[in-house]
Amino acid sequence: MSQDGQIRIILAKLGLDGHDRGIKVVARILRDAGMEVIYLGLRQTTDSIIAAAEQEDADAIGLSMHNASHMTLAPAMVKAVAEAELDTPVIVGGIIPDEDLQPLRDAGVAVVLGPGASAEEVAQAVRDAVASV
């Protein structure tokens, strides 16, 4: 966290998914909830996200998934975080089938948020994930 206790979160679209409307809404939600949001935008790699997380001393990494790549890309992000020896929870949001929720958690994803999560649920999920590390 920043010196004033403000949570810093990296938000990014990992991979080739070009749908970014939802993550921009989440960025505003988290900003309005008092968090510092570092929005990396589209077509990021695990390396670019790790570099930003290290540079910004991020408390969490939020990924938006809408192209059915969540079962590959989210675990790859968790692995990259571990390999970088960061203690940074990975939060995934987007269109995720119910049957993939537990496998994602088992892979180390801290929180999975679906469409319809309220602004307060999103902000609280980030606070809880950061507090759990």
C-alpha atoms as a PDB file:
ATOM      1  CA  MET A   1       0.000   0.000   0.000  1.00  0.00           C
ATOM      2  CA  SER A   2       1.049   3.554  -0.480  1.00  0.00           C
ATOM      3  CA  GLN A   3       2.254   5.507   2.517  1.00  0.00           C
ATOM      4  CA  ASP A   4      -1.238   6.869   3.059  1.00  0.00           C
ATOM      5  CA  GLY A   5      -2.734   3.357   3.143  1.00  0.00           C
ATOM      6  CA  GLN A   6      -4.236   3.604  -0.326  1.00  0.00           C
ATOM      7  CA  ILE A   7      -4.434   0.279  -2.187  1.00  0.00           C
ATOM      8  CA  ARG A   8      -2.582   0.212  -5.505  1.00  0.00           C
ATOM      9  CA  ILE A   9      -3.988  -2.142  -8.120  1.00  0.00           C
ATOM     10  CA  ILE A  10      -2.771  -2.964 -11.604  1.00  0.00           C
ATOM     11  CA  LEU A  11      -5.624  -3.541 -14.072  1.00  0.00           C
ATOM     12  CA  ALA A  12      -4.880  -5.159 -17.412  1.00  0.00           C
ATOM     13  CA  LYS A  13      -6.183  -7.204 -20.285  1.00  0.00           C
ATOM     14  CA  LEU A  14      -3.855 -10.200 -20.565  1.00  0.00           C
ATOM     15  CA  GLY A  15      -3.524 -11.738 -24.016  1.00  0.00           C
ATOM     16  CA  LEU A  16      -5.362 -10.817 -27.188  1.00  0.00           C
ATOM     17  CA  ASP A  17      -8.798 -10.020 -25.770  1.00  0.00           C
ATOM     18  CA  GLY A  18      -9.871  -6.636 -27.162  1.00  0.00           C
ATOM     19  CA  HIS A  19     -13.017  -6.132 -25.055  1.00  0.00           C
ATOM     20  CA  ASP A  20     -12.165  -3.382 -22.570  1.00  0.00           C
ATOM     21  CA  ARG A  21     -15.426  -1.714 -21.614  1.00  0.00           C
ATOM     22  CA  GLY A  22     -15.821  -3.737 -18.395  1.00  0.00           C
ATOM     23  CA  ILE A  23     -12.297  -3.168 -17.119  1.00  0.00           C
ATOM     24  CA  LYS A  24     -12.675   0.580 -17.659  1.00  0.00           C
ATOM     25  CA  VAL A  25     -15.839   0.505 -15.549  1.00  0.00           C
ATOM     26  CA  VAL A  26     -13.961  -1.452 -12.856  1.00  0.00           C
ATOM     27  CA  ALA A  27     -11.136   1.094 -12.979  1.00  0.00           C
ATOM     28  CA  ARG A  28     -13.608   3.877 -12.213  1.00  0.00           C
ATOM     29  CA  ILE A  29     -15.271   1.828  -9.460  1.00  0.00           C
ATOM     30  CA  LEU A  30     -11.965   1.195  -7.725  1.00  0.00           C
ATOM     31  CA  ARG A  31     -10.776   4.773  -8.175  1.00  0.00           C
ATOM     32  CA  ASP A  32     -14.040   6.041  -6.699  1.00  0.00           C
ATOM     33  CA  ALA A  33     -13.532   3.607  -3.791  1.00  0.00           C
ATOM     34  CA  GLY A  34     -10.265   5.389  -2.974  1.00  0.00           C
ATOM     35  CA  MET A  35      -7.786   3.055  -4.655  1.00  0.00           C
ATOM     36  CA  GLU A  36      -4.922   4.009  -6.914  1.00  0.00           C
ATOM     37  CA  VAL A  37      -5.536   2.300 -10.256  1.00  0.00           C
ATOM     38  CA  ILE A  38      -2.733   1.671 -12.709  1.00  0.00           C
ATOM     39  CA  TYR A  39      -4.496   0.754 -15.954  1.00  0.00           C
ATOM     40  CA  LEU A  40      -2.204  -0.983 -18.437  1.00  0.00           C
ATOM     41  CA  GLY A  41      -4.792  -1.475 -21.143  1.00  0.00           C
ATOM     42  CA  LEU A  42      -5.108  -4.111 -23.835  1.00  0.00           C
ATOM     43  CA  ARG A  43      -2.821  -6.904 -25.045  1.00  0.00           C
ATOM     44  CA  GLN A  44      -0.543  -7.145 -22.046  1.00  0.00           C
ATOM     45  CA  THR A  45       1.799 -10.036 -21.287  1.00  0.00           C
ATOM     46  CA  THR A  46       2.592 -11.603 -17.941  1.00  0.00           C
ATOM     47  CA  ASP A  47       6.032  -9.959 -18.188  1.00  0.00           C
ATOM     48  CA  SER A  48       4.613  -6.476 -18.762  1.00  0.00           C
ATOM     49  CA  ILE A  49       2.171  -6.887 -15.874  1.00  0.00           C
ATOM     50  CA  ILE A  50       4.891  -8.166 -13.524  1.00  0.00           C
ATOM     51  CA  ALA A  51       7.170  -5.263 -14.507  1.00  0.00           C
ATOM     52  CA  ALA A  52       4.399  -2.769 -13.752  1.00  0.00           C
ATOM     53  CA  ALA A  53       3.518  -4.481 -10.463  1.00  0.00           C
ATOM     54  CA  GLU A  54       7.148  -4.289  -9.358  1.00  0.00           C
ATOM     55  CA  GLN A  55       7.635  -0.703 -10.530  1.00  0.00           C
ATOM     56  CA  GLU A  56       4.394   0.525  -8.965  1.00  0.00           C
ATOM     57  CA  ASP A  57       4.692  -1.600  -5.799  1.00  0.00           C
ATOM     58  CA  ALA A  58       1.185  -2.882  -6.518  1.00  0.00           C
ATOM     59  CA  ASP A  59      -0.935  -4.511  -3.844  1.00  0.00           C
ATOM     60  CA  ALA A  60      -3.049  -6.498  -6.330  1.00  0.00           C
ATOM     61  CA  ILE A  61      -3.345  -7.410  -9.995  1.00  0.00           C
ATOM     62  CA  GLY A  62      -6.759  -7.373 -11.644  1.00  0.00           C
ATOM     63  CA  LEU A  63      -7.348  -9.106 -14.970  1.00  0.00           C
ATOM     64  CA  SER A  64     -10.409  -8.889 -17.174  1.00  0.00           C
ATOM     65  CA  MET A  65     -11.238 -12.009 -19.185  1.00  0.00           C
ATOM     66  CA  HIS A  66     -13.882 -12.236 -21.903  1.00  0.00           C
ATOM     67  CA  ASN A  67     -12.486 -14.534 -24.576  1.00  0.00           C
ATOM     68  CA  ALA A  68     -12.499 -17.939 -22.862  1.00  0.00           C
ATOM     69  CA  SER A  69      -8.753 -17.871 -22.228  1.00  0.00           C
ATOM     70  CA  HIS A  70      -9.124 -17.577 -18.459  1.00  0.00           C
ATOM     71  CA  MET A  71      -8.153 -21.209 -17.762  1.00  0.00           C
ATOM     72  CA  THR A  72      -4.802 -20.661 -19.485  1.00  0.00           C
ATOM     73  CA  LEU A  73      -3.975 -17.019 -18.865  1.00  0.00           C
ATOM     74  CA  ALA A  74      -5.060 -16.606 -15.227  1.00  0.00           C
ATOM     75  CA  PRO A  75      -2.955 -19.549 -13.964  1.00  0.00           C
ATOM     76  CA  ALA A  76      -0.045 -18.257 -16.072  1.00  0.00           C
ATOM     77  CA  MET A  77      -0.354 -14.888 -14.321  1.00  0.00           C
ATOM     78  CA  VAL A  78      -0.435 -16.535 -10.879  1.00  0.00           C
ATOM     79  CA  LYS A  79       2.673 -18.533 -11.834  1.00  0.00           C
ATOM     80  CA  ALA A  80       4.459 -15.386 -13.063  1.00  0.00           C
ATOM     81  CA  VAL A  81       3.659 -13.619  -9.776  1.00  0.00           C
ATOM     82  CA  ALA A  82       5.089 -16.550  -7.810  1.00  0.00           C
ATOM     83  CA  GLU A  83       8.199 -16.732 -10.000  1.00  0.00           C
ATOM     84  CA  ALA A  84       8.778 -13.015  -9.451  1.00  0.00           C
ATOM     85  CA  GLU A  85       8.481 -13.682  -5.710  1.00  0.00           C
ATOM     86  CA  LEU A  86       5.723 -11.123  -5.340  1.00  0.00           C
ATOM     87  CA  ASP A  87       3.101 -11.416  -2.640  1.00  0.00           C
ATOM     88  CA  THR A  88       0.419  -9.946  -4.889  1.00  0.00           C
ATOM     89  CA  PRO A  89      -3.057 -11.467  -5.220  1.00  0.00           C
ATOM     90  CA  VAL A  90      -4.440 -11.987  -8.714  1.00  0.00           C
ATOM     91  CA  ILE A  91      -8.110 -11.064  -9.150  1.00  0.00           C
ATOM     92  CA  VAL A  92     -10.011 -12.111 -12.256  1.00  0.00           C
ATOM     93  CA  GLY A  93     -13.233 -10.655 -13.560  1.00  0.00           C
ATOM     94  CA  GLY A  94     -15.309 -11.281 -16.610  1.00  0.00           C
ATOM     95  CA  ILE A  95     -17.323 -13.975 -18.288  1.00  0.00           C
ATOM     96  CA  ILE A  96     -16.285 -17.103 -16.405  1.00  0.00           C
ATOM     97  CA  PRO A  97     -18.426 -20.267 -16.417  1.00  0.00           C
ATOM     98  CA  ASP A  98     -19.397 -21.559 -12.968  1.00  0.00           C
ATOM     99  CA  GLU A  99     -17.543 -24.842 -13.539  1.00  0.00           C
ATOM    100  CA  ASP A 100     -14.275 -22.898 -13.919  1.00  0.00           C
ATOM    101  CA  LEU A 101     -14.533 -20.983 -10.639  1.00  0.00           C
ATOM    102  CA  GLN A 102     -13.054 -23.656  -8.373  1.00  0.00           C
ATOM    103  CA  PRO A 103     -10.274 -24.650 -10.797  1.00  0.00           C
ATOM    104  CA  LEU A 104      -9.232 -20.996 -10.979  1.00  0.00           C
ATOM    105  CA  ARG A 105      -9.196 -20.741  -7.188  1.00  0.00           C
ATOM    106  CA  ASP A 106      -7.237 -23.999  -7.035  1.00  0.00           C
ATOM    107  CA  ALA A 107      -4.736 -22.456  -9.471  1.00  0.00           C
ATOM    108  CA  GLY A 108      -4.171 -19.597  -7.022  1.00  0.00           C
ATOM    109  CA  VAL A 109      -6.541 -16.893  -8.250  1.00  0.00           C
ATOM    110  CA  ALA A 110      -7.552 -14.938  -5.144  1.00  0.00           C
ATOM    111  CA  VAL A 111     -10.983 -13.778  -6.329  1.00  0.00           C
ATOM    112  CA  VAL A 112     -13.190 -14.363  -9.358  1.00  0.00           C
ATOM    113  CA  LEU A 113     -15.847 -11.740 -10.074  1.00  0.00           C
ATOM    114  CA  GLY A 114     -18.555 -12.156 -12.674  1.00  0.00           C
ATOM    115  CA  PRO A 115     -20.827  -9.762 -14.464  1.00  0.00           C
ATOM    116  CA  GLY A 116     -23.418  -8.349 -12.141  1.00  0.00           C
ATOM    117  CA  ALA A 117     -21.052  -7.860  -9.204  1.00  0.00           C
ATOM    118  CA  SER A 118     -21.952  -4.545  -7.588  1.00  0.00           C
ATOM    119  CA  ALA A 119     -19.476  -1.715  -7.231  1.00  0.00           C
ATOM    120  CA  GLU A 120     -19.263  -2.381  -3.491  1.00  0.00           C
ATOM    121  CA  GLU A 121     -18.706  -6.115  -4.062  1.00  0.00           C
ATOM    122  CA  VAL A 122     -15.864  -5.362  -6.477  1.00  0.00           C
ATOM    123  CA  ALA A 123     -14.171  -2.880  -4.122  1.00  0.00           C
ATOM    124  CA  GLN A 124     -14.621  -5.146  -1.100  1.00  0.00           C
ATOM    125  CA  ALA A 125     -13.236  -8.156  -2.995  1.00  0.00           C
ATOM    126  CA  VAL A 126     -10.060  -6.184  -3.737  1.00  0.00           C
ATOM    127  CA  ARG A 127      -9.783  -5.003  -0.116  1.00  0.00           C
ATOM    128  CA  ASP A 128     -10.265  -8.563   1.150  1.00  0.00           C
ATOM    129  CA  ALA A 129      -7.728 -10.028  -1.300  1.00  0.00           C
ATOM    130  CA  VAL A 130      -5.114  -7.439  -0.309  1.00  0.00           C
ATOM    131  CA  ALA A 131      -5.807  -7.978   3.409  1.00  0.00           C
ATOM    132  CA  SER A 132      -5.397 -11.741   3.036  1.00  0.00           C
ATOM    133  CA  VAL A 133      -1.709 -11.571   2.076  1.00  0.00           C
END
